[in-house]
Protein backbone atom coordinates (compact mmCIF):
# COMPACT_ATOMS: atom_id res chain seq x y z
CA UNK A 1 0.00 0.00 0.00
CA UNK A 2 2.79 2.40 0.89
CA UNK A 3 4.55 1.68 -2.44
CA UNK A 4 1.37 2.58 -4.30
CA UNK A 5 1.11 5.91 -2.48
CA UNK A 6 4.77 6.74 -3.14
CA UNK A 7 4.43 5.82 -6.84
CA UNK A 8 1.25 7.89 -7.09
CA UNK A 9 2.89 10.92 -5.50
CA UNK A 10 5.97 10.58 -7.72
CA UNK A 11 3.95 10.31 -10.91
CA UNK A 12 1.71 13.22 -9.85
CA UNK A 13 4.73 15.38 -9.13
CA UNK A 14 6.28 14.48 -12.51
CA UNK A 15 3.02 15.39 -14.26
CA UNK A 16 2.81 18.72 -12.43
CA UNK A 17 6.39 19.53 -13.42
CA UNK A 18 5.68 18.65 -17.07
CA UNK A 19 2.55 20.81 -17.13
CA UNK A 20 4.45 23.68 -15.52
CA UNK A 21 7.20 23.41 -18.11
CA UNK A 22 4.69 23.33 -20.97
CA UNK A 23 2.76 26.33 -19.68
CA UNK A 24 5.97 28.26 -19.01
CA UNK A 25 7.21 27.52 -22.52
CA UNK A 26 3.95 28.77 -24.02
CA UNK A 27 4.12 31.93 -21.91
CA UNK A 28 7.70 32.61 -23.01
CA UNK A 29 6.74 31.95 -26.63
CA UNK A 30 3.78 34.30 -26.22
CA UNK A 31 5.98 37.13 -25.00
CA UNK A 32 8.33 36.52 -27.91
CA UNK A 33 5.42 36.62 -30.37
CA UNK A 34 4.03 39.77 -28.71
CA UNK A 35 7.37 41.54 -29.11
CA UNK A 36 7.45 40.63 -32.79
CA UNK A 37 3.84 41.91 -33.15
CA UNK A 38 2.80 38.51 -34.57
CA UNK A 39 -0.02 38.19 -32.04
CA UNK A 40 -1.39 41.60 -33.03
CA UNK A 41 -1.32 40.59 -36.69
CA UNK A 42 -2.98 37.25 -35.93
CA UNK A 43 -5.67 38.90 -33.82
CA UNK A 44 -6.60 41.31 -36.60
CA UNK A 45 -6.92 38.42 -39.07
CA UNK A 46 -9.11 36.28 -36.79
CA UNK A 47 -11.23 38.96 -35.12
CA UNK A 48 -13.66 39.39 -38.06
CA UNK A 49 -14.77 35.80 -37.37
CA UNK A 50 -14.60 35.66 -33.56
CA UNK A 51 -16.46 38.93 -33.01
CA UNK A 52 -19.62 37.15 -34.16
CA UNK A 53 -19.12 34.71 -31.28
CA UNK A 54 -18.83 37.59 -28.79
CA UNK A 55 -15.11 37.05 -28.26
CA UNK A 56 -12.97 40.18 -28.00
CA UNK A 57 -9.80 40.66 -30.00
CA UNK A 58 -7.59 40.20 -26.93
CA UNK A 59 -8.98 36.70 -26.37
CA UNK A 60 -8.14 35.36 -29.82
CA UNK A 61 -4.64 34.13 -29.08
CA UNK A 62 -5.66 31.97 -26.08
CA UNK A 63 -8.52 30.66 -28.22
CA UNK A 64 -6.12 29.68 -31.01
CA UNK A 65 -3.68 28.05 -28.60
CA UNK A 66 -6.40 26.00 -26.93
CA UNK A 67 -7.97 25.09 -30.27
CA UNK A 68 -4.75 24.00 -31.94
CA UNK A 69 -2.59 22.73 -29.11
CA UNK A 70 -4.83 21.82 -26.19
CA UNK A 71 -6.55 22.64 -22.96
CA UNK A 72 -3.39 22.72 -20.85
CA UNK A 73 -1.69 25.27 -23.06
CA UNK A 74 -4.93 27.17 -23.60
CA UNK A 75 -5.65 27.43 -19.90
CA UNK A 76 -2.19 28.83 -19.27
CA UNK A 77 -2.79 31.43 -21.95
CA UNK A 78 -6.25 32.26 -20.61
CA UNK A 79 -4.84 32.75 -17.13
CA UNK A 80 -2.02 34.96 -18.37
CA UNK A 81 -4.30 37.01 -20.64
CA UNK A 82 -6.84 37.55 -17.88
CA UNK A 83 -4.10 38.53 -15.44
CA UNK A 84 -2.75 41.02 -18.01
CA UNK A 85 -6.22 42.53 -18.51
CA UNK A 86 -6.48 41.31 -22.12
CA UNK A 87 -9.58 39.18 -21.42
CA UNK A 88 -12.70 39.77 -19.37
CA UNK A 89 -14.96 37.20 -17.69
CA UNK A 90 -17.19 36.95 -20.75
CA UNK A 91 -14.15 36.15 -22.91
CA UNK A 92 -13.08 33.45 -20.47
CA UNK A 93 -16.56 31.94 -20.51
CA UNK A 94 -16.75 31.91 -24.31
CA UNK A 95 -13.19 30.78 -24.99
CA UNK A 96 -13.53 27.97 -22.45
CA UNK A 97 -16.82 26.95 -24.07
CA UNK A 98 -15.17 26.82 -27.48
CA UNK A 99 -12.05 24.90 -26.45
CA UNK A 100 -14.02 22.49 -24.27
CA UNK A 101 -15.57 21.21 -27.49
CA UNK A 102 -12.73 21.71 -29.96
CA UNK A 103 -9.37 21.55 -28.22
CA UNK A 104 -6.11 20.11 -29.51
CA UNK A 105 -7.77 19.84 -32.91
CA UNK A 106 -4.59 18.79 -34.69
CA UNK A 107 -3.47 16.16 -32.19
CA UNK A 108 -6.93 14.71 -31.53
CA UNK A 109 -7.89 14.59 -35.20
CA UNK A 110 -4.69 12.77 -36.11
CA UNK A 111 -5.20 10.38 -33.19
CA UNK A 112 -8.73 9.54 -34.32
CA UNK A 113 -7.54 9.07 -37.90
CA UNK A 114 -5.12 6.41 -36.67
CA UNK A 115 -8.21 4.42 -35.73
CA UNK A 116 -9.75 4.93 -39.17
CA UNK A 117 -11.87 8.04 -38.55
CA UNK A 118 -12.41 10.51 -41.37
CA UNK A 119 -10.19 13.57 -40.73
CA UNK A 120 -12.51 16.02 -42.45
CA UNK A 121 -15.59 14.86 -40.55
CA UNK A 122 -13.85 14.91 -37.15
CA UNK A 123 -12.31 18.33 -37.79
CA UNK A 124 -15.46 19.80 -39.33
CA UNK A 125 -17.96 18.52 -36.78
CA UNK A 126 -15.87 19.53 -33.77
CA UNK A 127 -15.16 22.99 -35.18
CA UNK A 128 -18.73 23.61 -36.31
CA UNK A 129 -20.15 22.39 -33.01
CA UNK A 130 -17.75 24.64 -31.08
CA UNK A 131 -18.78 27.64 -33.18
CA UNK A 132 -22.51 26.98 -32.79
CA UNK A 133 -22.38 26.28 -29.05
CA UNK A 134 -20.15 29.32 -28.41
CA UNK A 135 -22.48 31.53 -30.47
CA UNK A 136 -25.47 30.46 -28.38
CA UNK A 137 -23.47 30.62 -25.14
CA UNK A 138 -22.74 34.26 -25.99
CA UNK A 139 -26.47 34.90 -26.42
CA UNK A 140 -27.23 33.25 -23.06
CA UNK A 141 -24.38 35.10 -21.34
CA UNK A 142 -25.58 38.42 -22.77
CA UNK A 143 -29.15 37.81 -21.57
CA UNK A 144 -27.99 36.78 -18.11
CA UNK A 145 -25.78 39.86 -17.80
CA UNK A 146 -28.66 42.06 -19.06
CA UNK A 147 -30.80 40.80 -16.16
CA UNK A 148 -28.17 41.60 -13.52
C-alpha atoms as a PDB file:
ATOM      1  CA  UNK A   1       0.000   0.000   0.000  1.00  0.00           C
ATOM      2  CA  UNK A   2       2.794   2.400   0.891  1.00  0.00           C
ATOM      3  CA  UNK A   3       4.549   1.677  -2.437  1.00  0.00           C
ATOM      4  CA  UNK A   4       1.367   2.583  -4.296  1.00  0.00           C
ATOM      5  CA  UNK A   5       1.108   5.911  -2.476  1.00  0.00           C
ATOM      6  CA  UNK A   6       4.766   6.740  -3.138  1.00  0.00           C
ATOM      7  CA  UNK A   7       4.431   5.817  -6.839  1.00  0.00           C
ATOM      8  CA  UNK A   8       1.254   7.887  -7.090  1.00  0.00           C
ATOM      9  CA  UNK A   9       2.892  10.925  -5.497  1.00  0.00           C
ATOM     10  CA  UNK A  10       5.970  10.582  -7.717  1.00  0.00           C
ATOM     11  CA  UNK A  11       3.946  10.311 -10.912  1.00  0.00           C
ATOM     12  CA  UNK A  12       1.710  13.216  -9.849  1.00  0.00           C
ATOM     13  CA  UNK A  13       4.733  15.378  -9.133  1.00  0.00           C
ATOM     14  CA  UNK A  14       6.277  14.482 -12.511  1.00  0.00           C
ATOM     15  CA  UNK A  15       3.021  15.388 -14.258  1.00  0.00           C
ATOM     16  CA  UNK A  16       2.807  18.724 -12.426  1.00  0.00           C
ATOM     17  CA  UNK A  17       6.392  19.527 -13.424  1.00  0.00           C
ATOM     18  CA  UNK A  18       5.676  18.648 -17.074  1.00  0.00           C
ATOM     19  CA  UNK A  19       2.551  20.806 -17.131  1.00  0.00           C
ATOM     20  CA  UNK A  20       4.446  23.680 -15.516  1.00  0.00           C
ATOM     21  CA  UNK A  21       7.201  23.412 -18.109  1.00  0.00           C
ATOM     22  CA  UNK A  22       4.691  23.333 -20.972  1.00  0.00           C
ATOM     23  CA  UNK A  23       2.764  26.328 -19.680  1.00  0.00           C
ATOM     24  CA  UNK A  24       5.971  28.258 -19.006  1.00  0.00           C
ATOM     25  CA  UNK A  25       7.208  27.517 -22.522  1.00  0.00           C
ATOM     26  CA  UNK A  26       3.954  28.769 -24.020  1.00  0.00           C
ATOM     27  CA  UNK A  27       4.117  31.929 -21.908  1.00  0.00           C
ATOM     28  CA  UNK A  28       7.698  32.610 -23.009  1.00  0.00           C
ATOM     29  CA  UNK A  29       6.742  31.955 -26.626  1.00  0.00           C
ATOM     30  CA  UNK A  30       3.782  34.295 -26.223  1.00  0.00           C
ATOM     31  CA  UNK A  31       5.984  37.127 -24.998  1.00  0.00           C
ATOM     32  CA  UNK A  32       8.330  36.524 -27.911  1.00  0.00           C
ATOM     33  CA  UNK A  33       5.419  36.622 -30.374  1.00  0.00           C
ATOM     34  CA  UNK A  34       4.034  39.767 -28.712  1.00  0.00           C
ATOM     35  CA  UNK A  35       7.374  41.539 -29.108  1.00  0.00           C
ATOM     36  CA  UNK A  36       7.452  40.631 -32.790  1.00  0.00           C
ATOM     37  CA  UNK A  37       3.839  41.905 -33.147  1.00  0.00           C
ATOM     38  CA  UNK A  38       2.800  38.511 -34.568  1.00  0.00           C
ATOM     39  CA  UNK A  39      -0.016  38.188 -32.042  1.00  0.00           C
ATOM     40  CA  UNK A  40      -1.389  41.598 -33.032  1.00  0.00           C
ATOM     41  CA  UNK A  41      -1.320  40.588 -36.689  1.00  0.00           C
ATOM     42  CA  UNK A  42      -2.977  37.251 -35.934  1.00  0.00           C
ATOM     43  CA  UNK A  43      -5.667  38.898 -33.819  1.00  0.00           C
ATOM     44  CA  UNK A  44      -6.605  41.308 -36.604  1.00  0.00           C
ATOM     45  CA  UNK A  45      -6.920  38.420 -39.067  1.00  0.00           C
ATOM     46  CA  UNK A  46      -9.110  36.284 -36.795  1.00  0.00           C
ATOM     47  CA  UNK A  47     -11.235  38.955 -35.118  1.00  0.00           C
ATOM     48  CA  UNK A  48     -13.658  39.391 -38.056  1.00  0.00           C
ATOM     49  CA  UNK A  49     -14.770  35.802 -37.368  1.00  0.00           C
ATOM     50  CA  UNK A  50     -14.604  35.660 -33.564  1.00  0.00           C
ATOM     51  CA  UNK A  51     -16.460  38.927 -33.008  1.00  0.00           C
ATOM     52  CA  UNK A  52     -19.624  37.146 -34.161  1.00  0.00           C
ATOM     53  CA  UNK A  53     -19.120  34.714 -31.281  1.00  0.00           C
ATOM     54  CA  UNK A  54     -18.832  37.592 -28.790  1.00  0.00           C
ATOM     55  CA  UNK A  55     -15.112  37.050 -28.261  1.00  0.00           C
ATOM     56  CA  UNK A  56     -12.966  40.178 -28.000  1.00  0.00           C
ATOM     57  CA  UNK A  57      -9.805  40.656 -30.004  1.00  0.00           C
ATOM     58  CA  UNK A  58      -7.592  40.197 -26.935  1.00  0.00           C
ATOM     59  CA  UNK A  59      -8.980  36.697 -26.370  1.00  0.00           C
ATOM     60  CA  UNK A  60      -8.142  35.362 -29.822  1.00  0.00           C
ATOM     61  CA  UNK A  61      -4.644  34.127 -29.077  1.00  0.00           C
ATOM     62  CA  UNK A  62      -5.657  31.971 -26.083  1.00  0.00           C
ATOM     63  CA  UNK A  63      -8.517  30.656 -28.220  1.00  0.00           C
ATOM     64  CA  UNK A  64      -6.124  29.676 -31.006  1.00  0.00           C
ATOM     65  CA  UNK A  65      -3.677  28.050 -28.603  1.00  0.00           C
ATOM     66  CA  UNK A  66      -6.402  25.998 -26.932  1.00  0.00           C
ATOM     67  CA  UNK A  67      -7.971  25.092 -30.271  1.00  0.00           C
ATOM     68  CA  UNK A  68      -4.753  23.997 -31.944  1.00  0.00           C
ATOM     69  CA  UNK A  69      -2.585  22.726 -29.113  1.00  0.00           C
ATOM     70  CA  UNK A  70      -4.831  21.817 -26.193  1.00  0.00           C
ATOM     71  CA  UNK A  71      -6.552  22.644 -22.956  1.00  0.00           C
ATOM     72  CA  UNK A  72      -3.389  22.720 -20.852  1.00  0.00           C
ATOM     73  CA  UNK A  73      -1.695  25.270 -23.065  1.00  0.00           C
ATOM     74  CA  UNK A  74      -4.929  27.168 -23.601  1.00  0.00           C
ATOM     75  CA  UNK A  75      -5.655  27.427 -19.897  1.00  0.00           C
ATOM     76  CA  UNK A  76      -2.193  28.830 -19.273  1.00  0.00           C
ATOM     77  CA  UNK A  77      -2.789  31.428 -21.949  1.00  0.00           C
ATOM     78  CA  UNK A  78      -6.248  32.257 -20.610  1.00  0.00           C
ATOM     79  CA  UNK A  79      -4.843  32.747 -17.127  1.00  0.00           C
ATOM     80  CA  UNK A  80      -2.023  34.959 -18.369  1.00  0.00           C
ATOM     81  CA  UNK A  81      -4.299  37.007 -20.636  1.00  0.00           C
ATOM     82  CA  UNK A  82      -6.838  37.555 -17.880  1.00  0.00           C
ATOM     83  CA  UNK A  83      -4.095  38.525 -15.441  1.00  0.00           C
ATOM     84  CA  UNK A  84      -2.753  41.022 -18.009  1.00  0.00           C
ATOM     85  CA  UNK A  85      -6.224  42.529 -18.514  1.00  0.00           C
ATOM     86  CA  UNK A  86      -6.480  41.313 -22.121  1.00  0.00           C
ATOM     87  CA  UNK A  87      -9.578  39.185 -21.415  1.00  0.00           C
ATOM     88  CA  UNK A  88     -12.701  39.772 -19.370  1.00  0.00           C
ATOM     89  CA  UNK A  89     -14.958  37.198 -17.690  1.00  0.00           C
ATOM     90  CA  UNK A  90     -17.195  36.946 -20.751  1.00  0.00           C
ATOM     91  CA  UNK A  91     -14.152  36.146 -22.905  1.00  0.00           C
ATOM     92  CA  UNK A  92     -13.077  33.448 -20.473  1.00  0.00           C
ATOM     93  CA  UNK A  93     -16.557  31.937 -20.511  1.00  0.00           C
ATOM     94  CA  UNK A  94     -16.751  31.913 -24.310  1.00  0.00           C
ATOM     95  CA  UNK A  95     -13.187  30.780 -24.986  1.00  0.00           C
ATOM     96  CA  UNK A  96     -13.534  27.970 -22.450  1.00  0.00           C
ATOM     97  CA  UNK A  97     -16.821  26.951 -24.067  1.00  0.00           C
ATOM     98  CA  UNK A  98     -15.168  26.823 -27.479  1.00  0.00           C
ATOM     99  CA  UNK A  99     -12.051  24.904 -26.451  1.00  0.00           C
ATOM    100  CA  UNK A 100     -14.017  22.488 -24.271  1.00  0.00           C
ATOM    101  CA  UNK A 101     -15.566  21.213 -27.494  1.00  0.00           C
ATOM    102  CA  UNK A 102     -12.729  21.706 -29.960  1.00  0.00           C
ATOM    103  CA  UNK A 103      -9.375  21.555 -28.215  1.00  0.00           C
ATOM    104  CA  UNK A 104      -6.112  20.110 -29.514  1.00  0.00           C
ATOM    105  CA  UNK A 105      -7.774  19.845 -32.908  1.00  0.00           C
ATOM    106  CA  UNK A 106      -4.590  18.792 -34.695  1.00  0.00           C
ATOM    107  CA  UNK A 107      -3.466  16.158 -32.193  1.00  0.00           C
ATOM    108  CA  UNK A 108      -6.929  14.706 -31.533  1.00  0.00           C
ATOM    109  CA  UNK A 109      -7.894  14.593 -35.200  1.00  0.00           C
ATOM    110  CA  UNK A 110      -4.689  12.767 -36.112  1.00  0.00           C
ATOM    111  CA  UNK A 111      -5.195  10.377 -33.190  1.00  0.00           C
ATOM    112  CA  UNK A 112      -8.735   9.542 -34.319  1.00  0.00           C
ATOM    113  CA  UNK A 113      -7.540   9.073 -37.897  1.00  0.00           C
ATOM    114  CA  UNK A 114      -5.115   6.413 -36.669  1.00  0.00           C
ATOM    115  CA  UNK A 115      -8.213   4.420 -35.733  1.00  0.00           C
ATOM    116  CA  UNK A 116      -9.747   4.933 -39.173  1.00  0.00           C
ATOM    117  CA  UNK A 117     -11.865   8.038 -38.548  1.00  0.00           C
ATOM    118  CA  UNK A 118     -12.405  10.512 -41.371  1.00  0.00           C
ATOM    119  CA  UNK A 119     -10.194  13.573 -40.730  1.00  0.00           C
ATOM    120  CA  UNK A 120     -12.506  16.024 -42.447  1.00  0.00           C
ATOM    121  CA  UNK A 121     -15.585  14.856 -40.555  1.00  0.00           C
ATOM    122  CA  UNK A 122     -13.846  14.912 -37.154  1.00  0.00           C
ATOM    123  CA  UNK A 123     -12.305  18.330 -37.787  1.00  0.00           C
ATOM    124  CA  UNK A 124     -15.456  19.799 -39.328  1.00  0.00           C
ATOM    125  CA  UNK A 125     -17.960  18.521 -36.778  1.00  0.00           C
ATOM    126  CA  UNK A 126     -15.873  19.532 -33.767  1.00  0.00           C
ATOM    127  CA  UNK A 127     -15.157  22.988 -35.180  1.00  0.00           C
ATOM    128  CA  UNK A 128     -18.734  23.613 -36.309  1.00  0.00           C
ATOM    129  CA  UNK A 129     -20.151  22.386 -33.006  1.00  0.00           C
ATOM    130  CA  UNK A 130     -17.748  24.639 -31.082  1.00  0.00           C
ATOM    131  CA  UNK A 131     -18.781  27.636 -33.181  1.00  0.00           C
ATOM    132  CA  UNK A 132     -22.514  26.976 -32.791  1.00  0.00           C
ATOM    133  CA  UNK A 133     -22.383  26.283 -29.049  1.00  0.00           C
ATOM    134  CA  UNK A 134     -20.152  29.320 -28.412  1.00  0.00           C
ATOM    135  CA  UNK A 135     -22.475  31.526 -30.469  1.00  0.00           C
ATOM    136  CA  UNK A 136     -25.473  30.460 -28.378  1.00  0.00           C
ATOM    137  CA  UNK A 137     -23.466  30.620 -25.143  1.00  0.00           C
ATOM    138  CA  UNK A 138     -22.742  34.256 -25.991  1.00  0.00           C
ATOM    139  CA  UNK A 139     -26.473  34.898 -26.421  1.00  0.00           C
ATOM    140  CA  UNK A 140     -27.227  33.254 -23.057  1.00  0.00           C
ATOM    141  CA  UNK A 141     -24.378  35.097 -21.337  1.00  0.00           C
ATOM    142  CA  UNK A 142     -25.576  38.421 -22.772  1.00  0.00           C
ATOM    143  CA  UNK A 143     -29.149  37.809 -21.573  1.00  0.00           C
ATOM    144  CA  UNK A 144     -27.992  36.780 -18.106  1.00  0.00           C
ATOM    145  CA  UNK A 145     -25.776  39.862 -17.801  1.00  0.00           C
ATOM    146  CA  UNK A 146     -28.657  42.064 -19.056  1.00  0.00           C
ATOM    147  CA  UNK A 147     -30.801  40.804 -16.163  1.00  0.00           C
ATOM    148  CA  UNK A 148     -28.167  41.598 -13.522  1.00  0.00           C
END
